C-alpha atoms as a PDB file:
ATOM      1  CA  MET A   1    -106.374  -8.257  87.720  1.00  0.00           C
ATOM      2  CA  PRO A   2    -108.547  -6.894  84.898  1.00  0.00           C
ATOM      3  CA  LEU A   3    -106.739  -4.372  82.693  1.00  0.00           C
ATOM      4  CA  ASN A   4    -109.367  -1.747  83.469  1.00  0.00           C
ATOM      5  CA  ASP A   5    -108.538  -2.056  87.170  1.00  0.00           C
ATOM      6  CA  VAL A   6    -104.797  -1.537  86.766  1.00  0.00           C
ATOM      7  CA  LYS A   7    -103.901   1.903  88.127  1.00  0.00           C
ATOM      8  CA  PRO A   8    -100.529   3.537  88.820  1.00  0.00           C
ATOM      9  CA  SER A   9    -101.370   3.977  92.507  1.00  0.00           C
ATOM     10  CA  VAL A  10    -103.864   2.809  95.107  1.00  0.00           C
ATOM     11  CA  SER A  11    -105.219   4.447  98.253  1.00  0.00           C
ATOM     12  CA  VAL A  12    -104.104   2.819 101.514  1.00  0.00           C
ATOM     13  CA  ALA A  13    -104.960   3.529 105.126  1.00  0.00           C
ATOM     14  CA  VAL A  14    -102.055   4.765 107.242  1.00  0.00           C
ATOM     15  CA  GLU A  15    -101.515   6.187 110.704  1.00  0.00           C
ATOM     16  CA  ARG A  16     -99.459   9.338 111.049  1.00  0.00           C
ATOM     17  CA  ILE A  17     -97.301   9.369 114.171  1.00  0.00           C
ATOM     18  CA  GLY A  18     -95.202  12.117 115.687  1.00  0.00           C
ATOM     19  CA  LEU A  19     -91.752  10.803 116.589  1.00  0.00           C
ATOM     20  CA  ARG A  20     -91.291  13.510 119.222  1.00  0.00           C
ATOM     21  CA  ASN A  21     -94.734  14.790 120.219  1.00  0.00           C
ATOM     22  CA  GLY A  22     -96.478  11.395 120.316  1.00  0.00           C
ATOM     23  CA  VAL A  23     -99.403  12.517 118.136  1.00  0.00           C
ATOM     24  CA  ARG A  24    -101.275   9.770 116.269  1.00  0.00           C
ATOM     25  CA  GLU A  25    -103.914  10.278 113.608  1.00  0.00           C
ATOM     26  CA  ALA A  26    -105.602   8.179 110.959  1.00  0.00           C
ATOM     27  CA  SER A  27    -104.981   9.164 107.366  1.00  0.00           C
ATOM     28  CA  VAL A  28    -105.016   7.919 103.773  1.00  0.00           C
ATOM     29  CA  ARG A  29    -102.257   8.164 101.178  1.00  0.00           C
ATOM     30  CA  GLU A  30    -101.388   6.842  97.754  1.00  0.00           C
ATOM     31  CA  ALA A  31     -99.058   3.845  97.333  1.00  0.00           C
ATOM     32  CA  ALA A  32     -97.316   3.171  94.032  1.00  0.00           C
ATOM     33  CA  ALA A  33     -98.624   0.107  92.213  1.00  0.00           C
ATOM     34  CA  GLU A  34     -96.042  -2.570  91.458  1.00  0.00           C
ATOM     35  CA  THR A  35     -97.087  -5.231  88.970  1.00  0.00           C
ATOM     36  CA  PRO A  36     -95.285  -8.315  87.614  1.00  0.00           C
ATOM     37  CA  VAL A  37     -94.971  -7.863  83.848  1.00  0.00           C
ATOM     38  CA  ASN A  38     -93.994 -10.871  81.765  1.00  0.00           C
ATOM     39  CA  ILE A  39     -92.226  -9.816  78.562  1.00  0.00           C
ATOM     40  CA  VAL A  40     -92.962 -12.380  75.873  1.00  0.00           C
ATOM     41  CA  TYR A  41     -91.392 -12.506  72.437  1.00  0.00           C
ATOM     42  CA  ALA A  42     -94.234 -14.463  70.983  1.00  0.00           C
ATOM     43  CA  PRO A  43     -94.675 -17.153  71.962  1.00  0.00           C
ATOM     44  CA  ILE A  44     -91.624 -17.484  74.249  1.00  0.00           C
ATOM     45  CA  PRO A  45     -91.467 -15.777  77.693  1.00  0.00           C
ATOM     46  CA  PHE A  46     -88.240 -13.831  78.172  1.00  0.00           C
ATOM     47  CA  ALA A  47     -88.330 -11.967  81.485  1.00  0.00           C
ATOM     48  CA  VAL A  48     -90.527 -10.947  84.390  1.00  0.00           C
ATOM     49  CA  MET A  49     -90.048  -7.363  85.533  1.00  0.00           C
ATOM     50  CA  MET A  50     -91.694  -5.510  88.403  1.00  0.00           C
ATOM     51  CA  CYS A  51     -93.113  -2.355  86.829  1.00  0.00           C
ATOM     52  CA  SER A  52     -95.466   0.519  87.352  1.00  0.00           C
ATOM     53  CA  PRO A  53     -98.390  -0.533  85.144  1.00  0.00           C
ATOM     54  CA  GLN A  54     -98.482   2.418  82.743  1.00  0.00           C
ATOM     55  CA  ASP A  55     -96.679   3.270  79.475  1.00  0.00           C
ATOM     56  CA  LEU A  56     -96.045  -0.448  78.965  1.00  0.00           C
ATOM     57  CA  GLU A  57     -95.908  -0.208  75.167  1.00  0.00           C
ATOM     58  CA  ASP A  58     -93.075   2.305  75.568  1.00  0.00           C
ATOM     59  CA  PHE A  59     -91.428  -0.078  78.014  1.00  0.00           C
ATOM     60  CA  ALA A  60     -91.639  -2.979  75.563  1.00  0.00           C
ATOM     61  CA  VAL A  61     -89.903  -0.952  72.852  1.00  0.00           C
ATOM     62  CA  GLY A  62     -87.255   0.574  75.121  1.00  0.00           C
ATOM     63  CA  PHE A  63     -86.457  -2.681  76.899  1.00  0.00           C
ATOM     64  CA  SER A  64     -86.178  -4.569  73.599  1.00  0.00           C
ATOM     65  CA  PHE A  65     -83.857  -1.893  72.233  1.00  0.00           C
ATOM     66  CA  THR A  66     -81.549  -1.558  75.239  1.00  0.00           C
ATOM     67  CA  GLU A  67     -81.380  -5.351  75.546  1.00  0.00           C
ATOM     68  CA  GLY A  68     -80.155  -5.515  71.937  1.00  0.00           C
ATOM     69  CA  ILE A  69     -83.110  -7.611  70.794  1.00  0.00           C
ATOM     70  CA  ILE A  70     -84.070  -5.009  68.199  1.00  0.00           C
ATOM     71  CA  ASP A  71     -82.000  -2.447  66.302  1.00  0.00           C
ATOM     72  CA  GLY A  72     -84.817   0.032  65.806  1.00  0.00           C
ATOM     73  CA  ILE A  73     -88.538   0.601  66.037  1.00  0.00           C
ATOM     74  CA  ALA A  74     -89.112  -1.010  62.620  1.00  0.00           C
ATOM     75  CA  ASP A  75     -88.082  -4.378  64.110  1.00  0.00           C
ATOM     76  CA  ILE A  76     -91.259  -4.518  66.206  1.00  0.00           C
ATOM     77  CA  ARG A  77     -94.451  -5.483  64.410  1.00  0.00           C
ATOM     78  CA  GLY A  78     -96.741  -5.032  67.362  1.00  0.00           C
ATOM     79  CA  VAL A  79     -97.118  -4.945  71.156  1.00  0.00           C
ATOM     80  CA  ILE A  80    -100.133  -6.304  73.035  1.00  0.00           C
ATOM     81  CA  VAL A  81    -100.749  -5.785  76.756  1.00  0.00           C
ATOM     82  CA  GLU A  82    -102.907  -8.513  78.231  1.00  0.00           C
ATOM     83  CA  GLU A  83    -103.854 -10.061  81.541  1.00  0.00           C
ATOM     84  CA  ASP A  84    -102.188 -13.195  82.752  1.00  0.00           C
ATOM     85  CA  GLU A  85    -104.703 -16.038  82.573  1.00  0.00           C
ATOM     86  CA  GLU A  86    -104.549 -16.554  86.343  1.00  0.00           C
ATOM     87  CA  GLN A  87    -104.527 -12.811  87.086  1.00  0.00           C
ATOM     88  CA  ARG A  88    -101.028 -12.918  88.576  1.00  0.00           C
ATOM     89  CA  GLY A  89     -99.915  -9.880  86.604  1.00  0.00           C
ATOM     90  CA  LEU A  90     -99.682  -8.622  83.031  1.00  0.00           C
ATOM     91  CA  ARG A  91     -98.129  -9.918  79.823  1.00  0.00           C
ATOM     92  CA  LEU A  92     -96.380  -7.804  77.217  1.00  0.00           C
ATOM     93  CA  VAL A  93     -96.538  -9.793  73.996  1.00  0.00           C
ATOM     94  CA  VAL A  94     -94.016  -8.385  71.519  1.00  0.00           C
ATOM     95  CA  SER A  95     -94.084  -9.474  67.874  1.00  0.00           C
ATOM     96  CA  LEU A  96     -90.680  -9.186  66.211  1.00  0.00           C
ATOM     97  CA  ALA A  97     -89.667  -9.084  62.578  1.00  0.00           C
ATOM     98  CA  SER A  98     -88.711 -12.608  61.516  1.00  0.00           C
ATOM     99  CA  ASP A  99     -84.964 -11.950  61.279  1.00  0.00           C
ATOM    100  CA  LYS A 100     -84.889 -10.367  64.737  1.00  0.00           C
ATOM    101  CA  MET A 101     -86.872 -13.258  66.203  1.00  0.00           C
ATOM    102  CA  GLN A 102     -84.389 -15.713  64.727  1.00  0.00           C
ATOM    103  CA  ARG A 103     -81.511 -13.708  66.147  1.00  0.00           C
ATOM    104  CA  HIS A 104     -83.210 -13.569  69.515  1.00  0.00           C
ATOM    105  CA  LEU A 105     -83.730 -17.336  69.580  1.00  0.00           C
ATOM    106  CA  ALA A 106     -80.057 -17.852  68.760  1.00  0.00           C
ATOM    107  CA  ARG A 107     -78.836 -15.803  71.699  1.00  0.00           C
ATOM    108  CA  ALA A 108     -77.209 -17.843  74.437  1.00  0.00           C
ATOM    109  CA  ARG A 109     -79.189 -16.229  77.231  1.00  0.00           C
ATOM    110  CA  ASN A 110     -81.962 -17.882  79.158  1.00  0.00           C
ATOM    111  CA  ILE A 111     -83.705 -15.695  81.711  1.00  0.00           C
ATOM    112  CA  SER A 112     -86.662 -16.740  83.816  1.00  0.00           C
ATOM    113  CA  GLY A 113     -86.582 -13.571  85.907  1.00  0.00           C
ATOM    114  CA  ARG A 114     -84.588 -10.369  86.156  1.00  0.00           C
ATOM    115  CA  THR A 115     -83.888  -7.674  88.681  1.00  0.00           C
ATOM    116  CA  GLY A 116     -83.408  -5.031  86.026  1.00  0.00           C
ATOM    117  CA  CYS A 117     -79.734  -4.630  86.858  1.00  0.00           C
ATOM    118  CA  GLY A 118     -78.693  -5.427  83.320  1.00  0.00           C
ATOM    119  CA  VAL A 119     -76.436  -8.309  84.366  1.00  0.00           C
ATOM    120  CA  CYS A 120     -78.514 -10.836  86.296  1.00  0.00           C
ATOM    121  CA  GLY A 121     -79.135 -13.846  84.089  1.00  0.00           C
ATOM    122  CA  ILE A 122     -76.068 -13.736  81.866  1.00  0.00           C
ATOM    123  CA  ASP A 123     -73.856 -16.785  81.948  1.00  0.00           C
ATOM    124  CA  ASP A 124     -70.565 -15.281  80.779  1.00  0.00           C
ATOM    125  CA  LEU A 125     -68.685 -12.015  81.360  1.00  0.00           C
ATOM    126  CA  ASN A 126     -68.429 -11.626  77.590  1.00  0.00           C
ATOM    127  CA  ALA A 127     -72.190 -11.005  77.637  1.00  0.00           C
ATOM    128  CA  MET A 128     -71.837  -7.854  79.756  1.00  0.00           C
ATOM    129  CA  PRO A 129     -73.795  -5.027  78.063  1.00  0.00           C
ATOM    130  CA  CYS A 130     -71.741  -2.637  75.935  1.00  0.00           C
ATOM    131  CA  ALA A 131     -73.367  -0.088  73.631  1.00  0.00           C
ATOM    132  CA  ARG A 132     -72.404   0.417  70.033  1.00  0.00           C
ATOM    133  CA  ALA A 133     -70.343   3.454  69.070  1.00  0.00           C
ATOM    134  CA  ILE A 134     -72.314   6.684  69.406  1.00  0.00           C
ATOM    135  CA  THR A 135     -72.577   8.628  66.158  1.00  0.00           C
ATOM    136  CA  ALA A 136     -74.222  11.810  67.490  1.00  0.00           C
ATOM    137  CA  PRO A 137     -71.881  14.805  67.888  1.00  0.00           C
ATOM    138  CA  ALA A 138     -70.817  15.982  71.334  1.00  0.00           C
ATOM    139  CA  PHE A 139     -73.622  17.697  73.217  1.00  0.00           C
ATOM    140  CA  GLU A 140     -73.045  20.938  75.103  1.00  0.00           C
ATOM    141  CA  LEU A 141     -74.641  21.102  78.526  1.00  0.00           C
ATOM    142  CA  THR A 142     -75.114  24.455  80.222  1.00  0.00           C
ATOM    143  CA  THR A 143     -75.609  24.984  83.924  1.00  0.00           C
ATOM    144  CA  ARG A 144     -78.637  27.153  83.183  1.00  0.00           C
ATOM    145  CA  ALA A 145     -80.269  24.354  81.184  1.00  0.00           C
ATOM    146  CA  MET A 146     -79.556  21.776  83.888  1.00  0.00           C
ATOM    147  CA  ASP A 147     -80.959  24.059  86.575  1.00  0.00           C
ATOM    148  CA  ARG A 148     -84.137  24.636  84.548  1.00  0.00           C
ATOM    149  CA  ALA A 149     -84.644  20.937  83.847  1.00  0.00           C
ATOM    150  CA  LEU A 150     -84.159  19.965  87.482  1.00  0.00           C
ATOM    151  CA  SER A 151     -86.639  22.627  88.566  1.00  0.00           C
ATOM    152  CA  GLU A 152     -89.235  21.559  85.982  1.00  0.00           C
ATOM    153  CA  LEU A 153     -88.796  17.887  86.810  1.00  0.00           C
ATOM    154  CA  VAL A 154     -90.066  18.325  90.357  1.00  0.00           C
ATOM    155  CA  GLY A 155     -93.510  19.448  89.219  1.00  0.00           C
ATOM    156  CA  LEU A 156     -93.766  16.862  86.453  1.00  0.00           C
ATOM    157  CA  GLN A 157     -93.315  13.780  88.660  1.00  0.00           C
ATOM    158  CA  LYS A 158     -97.017  13.332  89.298  1.00  0.00           C
ATOM    159  CA  LEU A 159     -96.870   9.690  90.397  1.00  0.00           C
ATOM    160  CA  ASN A 160     -93.961  10.349  92.726  1.00  0.00           C
ATOM    161  CA  GLU A 161     -95.753  13.395  94.114  1.00  0.00           C
ATOM    162  CA  ALA A 162     -98.662  11.133  95.017  1.00  0.00           C
ATOM    163  CA  THR A 163     -96.658   8.165  96.296  1.00  0.00           C
ATOM    164  CA  GLY A 164     -93.048   9.196  97.024  1.00  0.00           C
ATOM    165  CA  ALA A 165     -91.936   5.775  95.751  1.00  0.00           C
ATOM    166  CA  VAL A 166     -91.016   5.989  92.065  1.00  0.00           C
ATOM    167  CA  HIS A 167     -88.141   7.105  89.860  1.00  0.00           C
ATOM    168  CA  ALA A 168     -88.301   9.347  86.822  1.00  0.00           C
ATOM    169  CA  ALA A 169     -86.336   9.734  83.608  1.00  0.00           C
ATOM    170  CA  ALA A 170     -86.718  12.860  81.482  1.00  0.00           C
ATOM    171  CA  TRP A 171     -85.639  13.945  78.007  1.00  0.00           C
ATOM    172  CA  CYS A 172     -84.558  17.574  77.917  1.00  0.00           C
ATOM    173  CA  ASP A 173     -83.732  19.945  75.079  1.00  0.00           C
ATOM    174  CA  PRO A 174     -80.570  22.126  74.940  1.00  0.00           C
ATOM    175  CA  VAL A 175     -82.180  24.941  76.959  1.00  0.00           C
ATOM    176  CA  GLY A 176     -83.416  22.584  79.672  1.00  0.00           C
ATOM    177  CA  GLU A 177     -87.095  22.220  78.773  1.00  0.00           C
ATOM    178  CA  VAL A 178     -88.399  18.792  79.763  1.00  0.00           C
ATOM    179  CA  LEU A 179     -89.946  17.398  76.583  1.00  0.00           C
ATOM    180  CA  ALA A 180     -90.897  13.938  77.865  1.00  0.00           C
ATOM    181  CA  ILE A 181     -90.911  12.106  81.177  1.00  0.00           C
ATOM    182  CA  ARG A 182     -91.649   8.570  82.312  1.00  0.00           C
ATOM    183  CA  GLU A 183     -92.000   7.258  85.880  1.00  0.00           C
ATOM    184  CA  ASP A 184     -91.700   3.761  87.307  1.00  0.00           C
ATOM    185  CA  VAL A 185     -90.951   1.917  90.534  1.00  0.00           C
ATOM    186  CA  GLY A 186     -87.771   0.714  88.806  1.00  0.00           C
ATOM    187  CA  ARG A 187     -85.154   3.256  87.698  1.00  0.00           C
ATOM    188  CA  HIS A 188     -84.184   1.043  84.748  1.00  0.00           C
ATOM    189  CA  ASN A 189     -87.837   0.700  83.744  1.00  0.00           C
ATOM    190  CA  ALA A 190     -88.385   4.462  83.796  1.00  0.00           C
ATOM    191  CA  LEU A 191     -85.428   4.959  81.458  1.00  0.00           C
ATOM    192  CA  ASP A 192     -86.486   2.091  79.189  1.00  0.00           C
ATOM    193  CA  LYS A 193     -90.008   3.541  78.983  1.00  0.00           C
ATOM    194  CA  LEU A 194     -88.613   6.931  78.034  1.00  0.00           C
ATOM    195  CA  ILE A 195     -86.257   5.474  75.430  1.00  0.00           C
ATOM    196  CA  GLY A 196     -89.176   3.498  74.003  1.00  0.00           C
ATOM    197  CA  HIS A 197     -91.218   6.688  73.710  1.00  0.00           C
ATOM    198  CA  LEU A 198     -88.321   8.499  72.014  1.00  0.00           C
ATOM    199  CA  LEU A 199     -87.878   5.662  69.528  1.00  0.00           C
ATOM    200  CA  ARG A 200     -91.596   5.507  68.772  1.00  0.00           C
ATOM    201  CA  THR A 201     -91.719   9.258  68.112  1.00  0.00           C
ATOM    202  CA  GLY A 202     -88.510   9.388  66.075  1.00  0.00           C
ATOM    203  CA  VAL A 203     -86.509  11.691  68.362  1.00  0.00           C
ATOM    204  CA  ASP A 204     -82.932  12.439  67.274  1.00  0.00           C
ATOM    205  CA  PRO A 205     -80.518  11.185  69.997  1.00  0.00           C
ATOM    206  CA  GLY A 206     -78.335  14.232  69.392  1.00  0.00           C
ATOM    207  CA  SER A 207     -81.129  16.724  70.059  1.00  0.00           C
ATOM    208  CA  GLY A 208     -81.137  16.565  73.850  1.00  0.00           C
ATOM    209  CA  TYR A 209     -80.001  14.843  77.018  1.00  0.00           C
ATOM    210  CA  PHE A 210     -81.333  12.652  79.821  1.00  0.00           C
ATOM    211  CA  THR A 211     -82.027  13.680  83.394  1.00  0.00           C
ATOM    212  CA  ILE A 212     -82.629  10.848  85.867  1.00  0.00           C
ATOM    213  CA  THR A 213     -83.730  10.980  89.486  1.00  0.00           C
ATOM    214  CA  SER A 214     -81.749   7.911  90.553  1.00  0.00           C
ATOM    215  CA  ARG A 215     -78.107   7.012  90.925  1.00  0.00           C
ATOM    216  CA  CYS A 216     -76.306   6.409  87.657  1.00  0.00           C
ATOM    217  CA  SER A 217     -75.079   2.837  87.765  1.00  0.00           C
ATOM    218  CA  PHE A 218     -73.258   1.359  84.798  1.00  0.00           C
ATOM    219  CA  GLU A 219     -76.328  -0.165  83.151  1.00  0.00           C
ATOM    220  CA  MET A 220     -78.129   3.197  83.241  1.00  0.00           C
ATOM    221  CA  LEU A 221     -75.158   4.704  81.418  1.00  0.00           C
ATOM    222  CA  GLU A 222     -75.219   1.812  78.950  1.00  0.00           C
ATOM    223  CA  LYS A 223     -78.903   2.463  78.188  1.00  0.00           C
ATOM    224  CA  VAL A 224     -78.156   6.154  77.572  1.00  0.00           C
ATOM    225  CA  ALA A 225     -75.314   5.181  75.246  1.00  0.00           C
ATOM    226  CA  ALA A 226     -77.402   2.498  73.522  1.00  0.00           C
ATOM    227  CA  PHE A 227     -79.944   5.158  72.574  1.00  0.00           C
ATOM    228  CA  GLY A 228     -77.093   7.277  71.233  1.00  0.00           C
ATOM    229  CA  ALA A 229     -77.331  10.280  73.557  1.00  0.00           C
ATOM    230  CA  ARG A 230     -74.157  12.082  74.551  1.00  0.00           C
ATOM    231  CA  ALA A 231     -75.110  13.477  77.973  1.00  0.00           C
ATOM    232  CA  VAL A 232     -76.881  12.467  81.171  1.00  0.00           C
ATOM    233  CA  VAL A 233     -77.548  14.340  84.401  1.00  0.00           C
ATOM    234  CA  ALA A 234     -78.261  12.305  87.532  1.00  0.00           C
ATOM    235  CA  ILE A 235     -79.622  13.590  90.808  1.00  0.00           C
ATOM    236  CA  SER A 236     -77.725  10.927  92.753  1.00  0.00           C
ATOM    237  CA  ALA A 237     -74.163   9.653  92.406  1.00  0.00           C
ATOM    238  CA  PRO A 238     -72.621   7.412  89.734  1.00  0.00           C
ATOM    239  CA  THR A 239     -70.720   4.221  90.373  1.00  0.00           C
ATOM    240  CA  ALA A 240     -67.073   3.920  89.370  1.00  0.00           C
ATOM    241  CA  LEU A 241     -68.022   1.579  86.527  1.00  0.00           C
ATOM    242  CA  ALA A 242     -70.569   4.105  85.254  1.00  0.00           C
ATOM    243  CA  VAL A 243     -67.823   6.731  85.111  1.00  0.00           C
ATOM    244  CA  GLU A 244     -65.588   4.279  83.264  1.00  0.00           C
ATOM    245  CA  ARG A 245     -68.339   3.548  80.728  1.00  0.00           C
ATOM    246  CA  ALA A 246     -69.069   7.272  80.301  1.00  0.00           C
ATOM    247  CA  ARG A 247     -65.437   7.762  79.341  1.00  0.00           C
ATOM    248  CA  MET A 248     -65.491   4.731  77.062  1.00  0.00           C
ATOM    249  CA  HIS A 249     -68.573   5.915  75.175  1.00  0.00           C
ATOM    250  CA  GLY A 250     -67.847   9.643  75.251  1.00  0.00           C
ATOM    251  CA  VAL A 251     -70.921  10.501  77.309  1.00  0.00           C
ATOM    252  CA  THR A 252     -70.871  13.658  79.399  1.00  0.00           C
ATOM    253  CA  LEU A 253     -71.826  12.607  82.925  1.00  0.00           C
ATOM    254  CA  VAL A 254     -73.009  15.119  85.522  1.00  0.00           C
ATOM    255  CA  ALA A 255     -74.250  13.770  88.842  1.00  0.00           C
ATOM    256  CA  LEU A 256     -75.235  14.746  92.365  1.00  0.00           C
ATOM    257  CA  ALA A 257     -77.118  17.550  90.632  1.00  0.00           C
ATOM    258  CA  ARG A 258     -79.141  19.058  93.444  1.00  0.00           C
ATOM    259  CA  ASN A 259     -79.206  21.967  95.850  1.00  0.00           C
ATOM    260  CA  GLU A 260     -77.948  24.235  93.050  1.00  0.00           C
ATOM    261  CA  ARG A 261     -74.715  22.259  92.683  1.00  0.00           C
ATOM    262  CA  ALA A 262     -73.445  19.368  90.581  1.00  0.00           C
ATOM    263  CA  LEU A 263     -70.306  17.338  89.956  1.00  0.00           C
ATOM    264  CA  VAL A 264     -68.947  16.710  86.462  1.00  0.00           C
ATOM    265  CA  PHE A 265     -67.557  13.171  86.280  1.00  0.00           C
ATOM    266  CA  ASN A 266     -66.830  13.139  82.553  1.00  0.00           C
ATOM    267  CA  GLY A 267     -66.946  15.520  79.612  1.00  0.00           C
ATOM    268  CA  GLY A 268     -66.178  18.745  81.432  1.00  0.00           C
ATOM    269  CA  GLU A 269     -65.104  20.311  78.143  1.00  0.00           C
ATOM    270  CA  HIS A 270     -68.726  20.031  77.003  1.00  0.00           C
ATOM    271  CA  VAL A 271     -70.189  21.736  80.096  1.00  0.00           C
ATOM    272  CA  ARG A 272     -70.570  25.517  80.001  1.00  0.00           C
ATOM    273  CA  VAL A 273     -71.141  27.512  83.200  1.00  0.00           C
ATOM    274  CA  GLU A 274     -73.760  30.234  82.871  1.00  0.00           C
ATOM    275  CA  ALA A 275     -75.330  32.428  85.511  1.00  0.00           C
ATOM    276  CA  SER A 276     -79.072  31.844  85.862  1.00  0.00           C
ATOM    277  CA  ALA A 277     -81.324  34.566  84.499  1.00  0.00           C
END
């Protein structure tokens, strides 16, 4: 597909049906676009991910960082988004600094395709992702800030509002203002896109926290820790391994944050309860 034709959603014909009253009517709604994106560390293909086809430069940076291929934004010399020659999808061609390319080629990991789970494709349990030690100080979360961020997030999910089919990841400041948001059909992709944006704009990992609209599985927690943030709020539940990793990395983990309630799974000493204004 030509790059100019790639859009985050497309209009599709549907038929609305009443499950109890039997009413049927023709309608049109938006469906989230889902595009194969081949990540290439020039000239070698590395992975094919199913992505929403926007903010792909951010995705290239965030994915490369959370995969441990780069140590920082300076390790990327350039990112080019281009069409696949046979129009089967898009290619993200990432140029690495020479030392990082050599390190990448030396890695004992050969992936022809990924699900985004953070594990598929590894050939040894020793290769399980594990973030480096976080250097940012502990981050204090307040219930007022979380409530504000969750309320703001609803109105900022424009693609999900149109399609109802994508996840979001947001970066929030200490008072709960949403400073940046990325959406994608994949929850991992949304977080990688956001982390890429934060790296490209030089955001201090200790200056805020993540809010995610999905469940917090262990690899989501690992991505948060890889960036160096000390807190994450998830609308859905965490897995047991995510809780274990939160404790390992010292990340405050709040989940099932909805309907004016939330559960603190780790870091309760860094969560302050405040009445909403």
